[in-house]
Amino acid sequence: MTPTPLHCPRCGRRAEDLGGCPACAKEGIGVNTPPPLADLTGLDLASYPGGPWGWPDAVPVPGPPVTLGEGNTPNIRLRTTGGDAQQDAGSGELWLKFEGANPTGSHKDRAMAVGLAAAVAAGADTVLAASSGNAGAAAAAYAARAGLRCVVFTNEAVPAGLRAQIDALGAERVLHRGTVAERNAAMAKAVEERGWYPLTCFAAVPPGSNPYADEGYKSVAYELARDFAGRRIDTVVVPTSRADLLAGIGRGFRELVAAGLVAAEPRLVAAEPAPRAPLTAALRYTDRADQERARVVDGPTVAFSVGGERPCWQGLDALWRTGGTAVAVTDEVTLAEHRRLAAEGLLLEPSSAVGVAVARDLVREPGSLVITIGTATGLKQLGDHGLSDGSGSDTP
């Protein structure tokens, strides 16, 4: 069984493997190589069942699906003033799509469901992922579901709760103390010499994760279009690292527009932590060639699972296509938003709080509809990175 061929969207060359476009990498530009867009013509949005496998033909992977029931995550309206969410006035509506409701607690489940199906189709017996936590947990869970061995490269910064989740799901966790470049080199060696199937980035110039797996993120767009049918979604804010989720949502909306299922694509906004915000830095340049080659110093942040040193091209492309932008927020703002969400009953990871903080500044226009993606639950990180589970209080 052979998955759909991959091509570079920047230069048009056919991909040689799952490591992005080598020709663009020689220019210092990380570009992922997605399959062709799916044709959704004739499908009924109202009856879309949700999740990556809701429309099987939209996923370019042969063979049976691998699934744990991912998708159909809830949309939760947030307060935009200080009162009840349903009584806010003088501003637009702010909604959170809570991906923490997925089986392992993050949006990564959508990608790993498809990625493991692609691994099975490729005849793999071992899958490999490098992860700050959520991707590793999702890879472990879906590998177990598919009956494949899973190896996860992690580092010392991964919270204890996420390490425990990866271990409990049966993956072989390998602690890697080197740089990201050294870790990617170790992954590339395992892929080449051992034939392990890569689920995440392993190239020297990072292009993003497995392009087949990333097709699972299109289902976020499908679900938003279905759930907000009859309304124009003005903006979707996405916490962003290598732009896998951002680009996947953009691809989903492009498919919907092409099929006449929605009238227009929403503006996409990348939310990044200020200590590592390459898309924000890139868009300060006026020339796209300069934007593609932007670099920043990768600093420590409480939102450790997003951001990076360089923008992946597909993230820039998603912003260019939709007239979007990128916005960076400080750790101070992130933690304040984390506490504000908790006061509304929502415990999210700090990376999700980055997106909500950005979205709050975009919802001031009356009648606007802004949706931010809550990428993961915060339950895995209690006690880490200055976050509290409240266990110090004895108040009845």
Protein backbone atom coordinates (compact mmCIF):
# COMPACT_ATOMS: atom_id res chain seq x y z
CA MET A 1 0.00 0.00 0.00
CA THR A 2 1.46 3.36 -1.05
CA PRO A 3 0.29 6.70 0.40
CA THR A 4 -0.31 9.67 -1.89
CA PRO A 5 2.94 11.22 -3.24
CA LEU A 6 4.30 14.36 -1.59
CA HIS A 7 5.53 17.57 -3.23
CA CYS A 8 7.09 20.79 -2.00
CA PRO A 9 4.57 23.65 -2.10
CA ARG A 10 7.36 26.22 -2.44
CA CYS A 11 9.47 24.84 -5.29
CA GLY A 12 7.24 22.06 -6.65
CA ARG A 13 9.81 19.26 -6.38
CA ARG A 14 8.64 15.78 -5.44
CA ALA A 15 9.64 14.78 -1.93
CA GLU A 16 12.28 12.09 -1.50
CA ASP A 17 11.26 11.11 2.03
CA LEU A 18 9.39 12.45 5.07
CA GLY A 19 12.07 14.99 5.98
CA GLY A 20 10.80 18.01 4.08
CA CYS A 21 12.15 19.54 0.89
CA PRO A 22 15.95 19.07 0.60
CA ALA A 23 16.27 21.68 -2.14
CA CYS A 24 14.68 24.39 0.01
CA ALA A 25 16.65 23.19 3.04
CA LYS A 26 19.87 24.00 1.14
CA GLU A 27 18.62 27.59 1.08
CA GLY A 28 18.12 27.42 4.85
CA ILE A 29 14.33 27.24 4.57
CA GLY A 30 12.36 24.46 6.24
CA VAL A 31 9.42 23.45 4.04
CA ASN A 32 7.13 20.50 4.66
CA THR A 33 5.84 18.49 1.71
CA PRO A 34 2.09 17.85 1.99
CA PRO A 35 -0.04 15.65 -0.25
CA PRO A 36 -2.49 17.31 -2.67
CA LEU A 37 -5.53 19.01 -1.19
CA ALA A 38 -8.57 16.76 -0.90
CA ASP A 39 -11.67 17.31 -3.03
CA LEU A 40 -14.65 17.72 -0.70
CA THR A 41 -17.13 18.41 -3.49
CA GLY A 42 -20.51 16.82 -2.87
CA LEU A 43 -19.99 16.25 0.84
CA ASP A 44 -22.51 17.49 3.40
CA LEU A 45 -20.95 19.62 6.13
CA ALA A 46 -23.95 19.26 8.42
CA SER A 47 -23.54 15.48 8.52
CA TYR A 48 -19.75 15.49 8.95
CA PRO A 49 -19.13 13.03 11.83
CA GLY A 50 -16.02 14.81 13.06
CA GLY A 51 -12.43 13.75 13.63
CA PRO A 52 -9.70 12.90 11.11
CA TRP A 53 -11.61 9.88 9.83
CA GLY A 54 -15.01 11.57 9.49
CA TRP A 55 -14.38 12.00 5.77
CA PRO A 56 -12.00 9.10 5.02
CA ASP A 57 -11.24 10.24 1.46
CA ALA A 58 -9.88 13.53 2.84
CA VAL A 59 -7.04 11.59 4.50
CA PRO A 60 -4.50 10.43 1.87
CA VAL A 61 -3.54 7.23 3.69
CA PRO A 62 -4.63 3.78 2.49
CA GLY A 63 -5.81 1.01 4.75
CA PRO A 64 -7.94 0.97 7.90
CA PRO A 65 -7.94 3.92 10.30
CA VAL A 66 -6.17 3.91 13.64
CA THR A 67 -8.42 5.67 16.14
CA LEU A 68 -9.18 6.18 19.81
CA GLY A 69 -12.20 8.38 19.19
CA GLU A 70 -10.27 11.63 18.69
CA GLY A 71 -11.99 14.77 17.45
CA ASN A 72 -15.35 16.46 18.07
CA THR A 73 -13.77 18.52 20.82
CA PRO A 74 -16.00 21.12 22.51
CA ASN A 75 -16.26 24.82 21.72
CA ILE A 76 -16.40 26.87 24.91
CA ARG A 77 -17.36 30.52 24.96
CA LEU A 78 -15.00 32.66 27.01
CA ARG A 79 -15.68 35.86 28.90
CA THR A 80 -14.47 38.97 27.15
CA THR A 81 -15.18 41.42 29.96
CA GLY A 82 -15.50 40.28 33.51
CA GLY A 83 -19.04 39.07 33.66
CA ASP A 84 -20.95 36.09 32.44
CA ALA A 85 -19.87 34.94 28.97
CA GLN A 86 -23.40 35.03 27.65
CA GLN A 87 -23.91 38.65 28.78
CA ASP A 88 -20.75 40.27 27.43
CA ALA A 89 -21.48 43.41 25.47
CA GLY A 90 -19.45 45.90 23.48
CA SER A 91 -17.17 43.30 21.92
CA GLY A 92 -17.26 40.26 19.69
CA GLU A 93 -17.47 36.63 20.73
CA LEU A 94 -14.43 34.69 21.87
CA TRP A 95 -14.54 30.90 21.74
CA LEU A 96 -12.04 28.23 22.73
CA LYS A 97 -11.89 24.91 20.87
CA PHE A 98 -10.65 22.66 23.65
CA GLU A 99 -8.34 20.02 22.19
CA GLY A 100 -7.55 18.82 25.69
CA ALA A 101 -10.72 16.72 25.37
CA ASN A 102 -8.94 14.35 22.97
CA PRO A 103 -8.03 10.86 24.28
CA THR A 104 -4.48 11.69 25.44
CA GLY A 105 -5.33 15.30 26.23
CA SER A 106 -3.99 17.26 23.26
CA HIS A 107 -4.43 18.16 19.59
CA LYS A 108 -1.57 15.80 18.76
CA ASP A 109 -4.04 12.90 18.80
CA ARG A 110 -5.48 14.05 15.47
CA ALA A 111 -2.07 13.83 13.85
CA MET A 112 -0.94 10.61 15.47
CA ALA A 113 -4.14 8.81 14.48
CA VAL A 114 -3.28 9.48 10.83
CA GLY A 115 0.46 9.09 11.31
CA LEU A 116 0.11 5.61 12.77
CA ALA A 117 -2.21 4.59 9.96
CA ALA A 118 0.47 5.78 7.52
CA ALA A 119 3.11 3.81 9.43
CA VAL A 120 1.01 0.65 9.23
CA ALA A 121 0.48 1.24 5.49
CA ALA A 122 4.25 1.63 5.06
CA GLY A 123 4.84 -1.73 6.77
CA ALA A 124 6.69 -0.23 9.75
CA ASP A 125 7.19 -2.14 12.98
CA THR A 126 8.64 0.78 14.98
CA VAL A 127 7.64 4.43 15.05
CA LEU A 128 9.82 7.25 16.33
CA ALA A 129 8.95 10.67 17.74
CA ALA A 130 10.88 13.51 19.33
CA SER A 131 8.73 15.39 21.77
CA SER A 132 8.48 17.91 24.58
CA GLY A 133 5.59 15.79 25.85
CA ASN A 134 2.24 15.86 24.09
CA ALA A 135 3.37 14.39 20.77
CA GLY A 136 5.22 11.62 22.60
CA ALA A 137 2.17 10.72 24.66
CA ALA A 138 -0.04 10.68 21.57
CA ALA A 139 2.50 8.65 19.60
CA ALA A 140 2.72 6.12 22.42
CA ALA A 141 -1.05 5.75 22.66
CA TYR A 142 -1.73 5.37 18.96
CA ALA A 143 1.26 3.06 18.46
CA ALA A 144 -0.17 0.83 21.18
CA ARG A 145 -3.53 0.95 19.43
CA ALA A 146 -1.89 -0.05 16.14
CA GLY A 147 0.27 -2.73 17.75
CA LEU A 148 3.58 -1.07 16.86
CA ARG A 149 6.68 -0.40 18.92
CA CYS A 150 7.19 3.27 19.81
CA VAL A 151 10.42 5.09 20.70
CA VAL A 152 10.21 8.66 22.02
CA PHE A 153 13.19 11.02 22.28
CA THR A 154 12.62 13.45 25.15
CA ASN A 155 14.70 15.90 27.17
CA GLU A 156 15.05 16.83 30.83
CA ALA A 157 12.52 19.67 30.53
CA VAL A 158 9.57 17.34 29.90
CA PRO A 159 7.18 17.59 32.89
CA ALA A 160 6.91 14.56 35.16
CA GLY A 161 3.24 14.04 34.31
CA LEU A 162 4.00 13.80 30.62
CA ARG A 163 6.92 11.46 31.20
CA ALA A 164 4.66 9.22 33.26
CA GLN A 165 2.01 9.24 30.55
CA ILE A 166 4.52 8.21 27.87
CA ASP A 167 5.86 5.43 30.09
CA ALA A 168 2.44 4.14 31.08
CA LEU A 169 1.43 3.84 27.43
CA GLY A 170 4.33 1.49 26.76
CA ALA A 171 6.71 3.64 24.73
CA GLU A 172 10.49 3.40 25.10
CA ARG A 173 11.50 6.84 26.32
CA VAL A 174 15.05 7.89 25.44
CA LEU A 175 16.46 10.91 27.28
CA HIS A 176 18.44 13.08 24.85
CA ARG A 177 20.58 15.78 26.44
CA GLY A 178 21.90 17.35 23.25
CA THR A 179 20.63 20.25 21.17
CA VAL A 180 17.63 20.01 18.88
CA ALA A 181 20.00 19.68 15.92
CA GLU A 182 21.82 16.80 17.61
CA ARG A 183 18.53 15.13 18.49
CA ASN A 184 17.33 15.45 14.90
CA ALA A 185 20.59 13.94 13.70
CA ALA A 186 20.10 10.98 16.03
CA MET A 187 16.55 10.57 14.72
CA ALA A 188 17.72 10.75 11.11
CA LYS A 189 20.28 8.02 11.83
CA ALA A 190 17.60 5.78 13.35
CA VAL A 191 15.33 6.36 10.36
CA GLU A 192 18.09 5.60 7.84
CA GLU A 193 19.88 2.73 9.57
CA ARG A 194 17.06 1.02 11.47
CA GLY A 195 14.12 1.81 9.23
CA TRP A 196 12.08 3.34 12.04
CA TYR A 197 9.11 5.35 10.82
CA PRO A 198 9.34 9.06 11.82
CA LEU A 199 6.25 10.77 13.20
CA THR A 200 7.94 14.09 13.98
CA CYS A 201 10.68 16.30 12.55
CA PHE A 202 14.14 14.81 12.01
CA ALA A 203 15.74 17.03 9.33
CA ALA A 204 18.64 19.38 10.05
CA VAL A 205 16.60 22.34 8.80
CA PRO A 206 13.29 21.61 10.58
CA PRO A 207 10.34 21.55 8.14
CA GLY A 208 7.61 20.31 10.49
CA SER A 209 6.31 16.87 11.38
CA ASN A 210 5.27 13.88 9.28
CA PRO A 211 3.22 15.40 6.41
CA TYR A 212 0.72 12.52 6.34
CA ALA A 213 0.14 12.84 10.08
CA ASP A 214 -0.39 16.58 9.76
CA GLU A 215 -3.40 15.94 7.51
CA GLY A 216 -5.26 14.99 10.68
CA TYR A 217 -5.29 18.66 11.69
CA LYS A 218 -7.57 19.54 8.78
CA SER A 219 -10.42 18.08 10.83
CA VAL A 220 -10.19 21.04 13.22
CA ALA A 221 -11.28 23.30 10.35
CA TYR A 222 -14.04 20.91 9.30
CA GLU A 223 -15.45 20.80 12.82
CA LEU A 224 -15.34 24.58 13.25
CA ALA A 225 -17.13 25.08 9.92
CA ARG A 226 -19.80 22.57 10.93
CA ASP A 227 -20.26 23.86 14.48
CA PHE A 228 -20.44 27.53 13.45
CA ALA A 229 -22.42 26.92 10.26
CA GLY A 230 -24.23 29.99 8.99
CA ARG A 231 -21.77 32.33 10.70
CA ARG A 232 -18.59 33.89 9.42
CA ILE A 233 -15.55 32.98 11.51
CA ASP A 234 -13.40 36.10 11.38
CA THR A 235 -10.20 34.85 13.00
CA VAL A 236 -8.70 31.60 14.25
CA VAL A 237 -5.77 31.96 16.65
CA VAL A 238 -3.35 29.03 16.82
CA PRO A 239 -0.48 28.51 19.30
CA THR A 240 2.37 27.78 16.93
CA SER A 241 5.72 26.05 16.90
CA ARG A 242 6.60 24.48 13.52
CA ALA A 243 3.16 25.42 12.17
CA ASP A 244 1.86 21.85 11.80
CA LEU A 245 -1.48 22.73 13.39
CA LEU A 246 -1.64 26.21 11.84
CA ALA A 247 -0.98 24.92 8.32
CA GLY A 248 -3.30 21.96 8.78
CA ILE A 249 -6.20 24.19 9.80
CA GLY A 250 -5.43 26.44 6.85
CA ARG A 251 -5.46 23.48 4.46
CA GLY A 252 -8.79 22.33 5.85
CA PHE A 253 -10.41 25.70 5.26
CA ARG A 254 -8.95 25.90 1.74
CA GLU A 255 -10.58 22.57 0.93
CA LEU A 256 -13.90 23.73 2.36
CA VAL A 257 -13.86 26.93 0.30
CA ALA A 258 -12.90 25.08 -2.89
CA ALA A 259 -15.86 22.73 -2.42
CA GLY A 260 -18.26 25.60 -1.73
CA LEU A 261 -18.90 24.39 1.81
CA VAL A 262 -17.91 27.73 3.35
CA ALA A 263 -17.80 31.16 1.74
CA ALA A 264 -14.34 32.28 2.87
CA GLU A 265 -11.31 31.27 4.88
CA PRO A 266 -10.91 32.95 8.27
CA ARG A 267 -7.84 35.00 8.99
CA LEU A 268 -5.23 32.86 10.73
CA VAL A 269 -3.09 34.27 13.53
CA ALA A 270 -0.05 32.51 14.97
CA ALA A 271 0.41 32.96 18.72
CA GLU A 272 3.97 32.60 20.01
CA PRO A 273 5.86 33.09 23.30
CA ALA A 274 8.05 36.18 23.15
CA PRO A 275 11.29 34.34 24.04
CA ARG A 276 10.95 32.21 20.88
CA ALA A 277 8.77 33.88 18.25
CA PRO A 278 10.19 33.34 14.74
CA LEU A 279 6.98 34.04 12.81
CA THR A 280 6.50 37.31 14.66
CA ALA A 281 10.08 38.28 13.87
CA ALA A 282 9.75 37.20 10.25
CA LEU A 283 6.71 39.36 9.57
CA ARG A 284 8.62 42.46 10.62
CA TYR A 285 10.35 42.21 7.25
CA THR A 286 8.51 43.49 4.19
CA ASP A 287 10.15 41.15 1.68
CA ARG A 288 8.98 37.54 1.69
CA ALA A 289 12.46 36.25 0.93
CA ASP A 290 13.67 37.87 4.16
CA GLN A 291 10.68 36.47 6.04
CA GLU A 292 11.53 32.94 4.93
CA ARG A 293 15.07 33.25 6.29
CA ALA A 294 14.32 34.95 9.60
CA ARG A 295 16.05 33.62 12.72
CA VAL A 296 15.66 34.28 16.44
CA VAL A 297 17.50 33.17 19.55
CA ASP A 298 15.55 30.30 21.14
CA GLY A 299 15.10 31.32 24.78
CA PRO A 300 13.45 29.53 27.71
CA THR A 301 9.72 30.04 28.23
CA VAL A 302 6.92 28.66 30.36
CA ALA A 303 5.15 27.85 27.07
CA PHE A 304 7.94 25.45 26.19
CA SER A 305 5.98 23.41 23.64
CA VAL A 306 5.56 26.28 21.15
CA GLY A 307 7.90 28.67 19.37
CA GLY A 308 11.35 27.98 17.95
CA GLU A 309 14.35 29.47 16.17
CA ARG A 310 13.10 29.74 12.58
CA PRO A 311 9.73 29.91 10.84
CA CYS A 312 8.58 26.89 8.87
CA TRP A 313 7.52 27.97 5.40
CA GLN A 314 4.03 26.46 5.55
CA GLY A 315 3.26 28.63 8.57
CA LEU A 316 4.20 31.77 6.68
CA ASP A 317 2.18 30.55 3.71
CA ALA A 318 -0.92 30.06 5.86
CA LEU A 319 -0.59 33.63 7.15
CA TRP A 320 0.08 35.06 3.68
CA ARG A 321 -2.93 33.33 2.17
CA THR A 322 -5.38 34.53 4.81
CA GLY A 323 -4.04 38.01 5.47
CA GLY A 324 -3.02 36.84 8.90
CA THR A 325 -0.28 37.79 11.29
CA ALA A 326 1.79 36.51 14.21
CA VAL A 327 1.76 37.89 17.74
CA ALA A 328 4.16 37.19 20.60
CA VAL A 329 3.31 37.43 24.30
CA THR A 330 5.55 37.47 27.36
CA ASP A 331 5.63 34.75 29.98
CA GLU A 332 4.09 37.22 32.44
CA VAL A 333 1.06 37.66 30.18
CA THR A 334 0.89 33.90 29.57
CA LEU A 335 0.78 33.06 33.27
CA ALA A 336 -1.79 35.78 33.94
CA GLU A 337 -3.98 34.32 31.20
CA HIS A 338 -3.44 30.82 32.61
CA ARG A 339 -4.81 32.03 35.96
CA ARG A 340 -7.70 33.85 34.29
CA LEU A 341 -8.72 30.69 32.44
CA ALA A 342 -8.56 28.71 35.66
CA ALA A 343 -10.94 31.25 37.17
CA GLU A 344 -13.37 30.30 34.39
CA GLY A 345 -12.97 26.62 35.22
CA LEU A 346 -10.50 25.84 32.42
CA LEU A 347 -7.16 24.22 33.17
CA LEU A 348 -5.05 24.48 30.01
CA GLU A 349 -1.36 24.12 29.30
CA PRO A 350 0.56 27.44 29.18
CA SER A 351 0.96 27.14 25.40
CA SER A 352 -2.83 27.31 25.09
CA ALA A 353 -2.88 30.38 27.30
CA VAL A 354 -0.55 32.07 24.78
CA GLY A 355 -3.27 31.69 22.14
CA VAL A 356 -6.07 32.95 24.38
CA ALA A 357 -4.04 36.00 25.41
CA VAL A 358 -3.55 36.91 21.75
CA ALA A 359 -7.19 36.25 20.90
CA ARG A 360 -8.47 38.58 23.64
CA ASP A 361 -6.88 41.53 21.87
CA LEU A 362 -8.55 40.59 18.58
CA VAL A 363 -12.14 40.36 19.73
CA ARG A 364 -12.83 44.02 20.48
CA GLU A 365 -14.90 44.71 17.39
CA PRO A 366 -18.64 44.20 18.10
CA GLY A 367 -20.06 41.30 16.15
CA SER A 368 -16.71 39.64 15.46
CA LEU A 369 -16.24 35.90 15.97
CA VAL A 370 -12.77 34.85 17.12
CA ILE A 371 -11.83 31.26 17.91
CA THR A 372 -8.63 30.20 19.64
CA ILE A 373 -7.32 26.65 19.82
CA GLY A 374 -6.76 25.27 23.32
CA THR A 375 -4.06 22.80 22.35
CA ALA A 376 -3.91 20.67 25.50
CA THR A 377 -5.11 20.14 29.03
CA GLY A 378 -3.04 21.53 31.86
CA LEU A 379 -3.52 18.44 34.01
CA LYS A 380 -0.22 16.97 32.80
CA GLN A 381 1.83 19.93 34.05
CA LEU A 382 0.54 20.60 37.55
CA GLY A 383 3.44 21.54 39.79
CA ASP A 384 5.75 22.28 36.84
CA HIS A 385 6.91 25.63 35.44
CA GLY A 386 5.42 27.62 38.29
CA LEU A 387 1.95 26.17 37.85
CA SER A 388 -0.05 25.13 40.90
CA ASP A 389 -2.65 22.47 41.55
CA GLY A 390 -3.97 24.44 44.50
CA SER A 391 -3.07 21.66 46.94
CA GLY A 392 -1.67 24.17 49.41
CA SER A 393 -5.14 25.46 50.32
CA ASP A 394 -7.19 23.96 53.15
CA THR A 395 -10.14 26.28 52.69
CA PRO A 396 -13.36 24.23 52.87
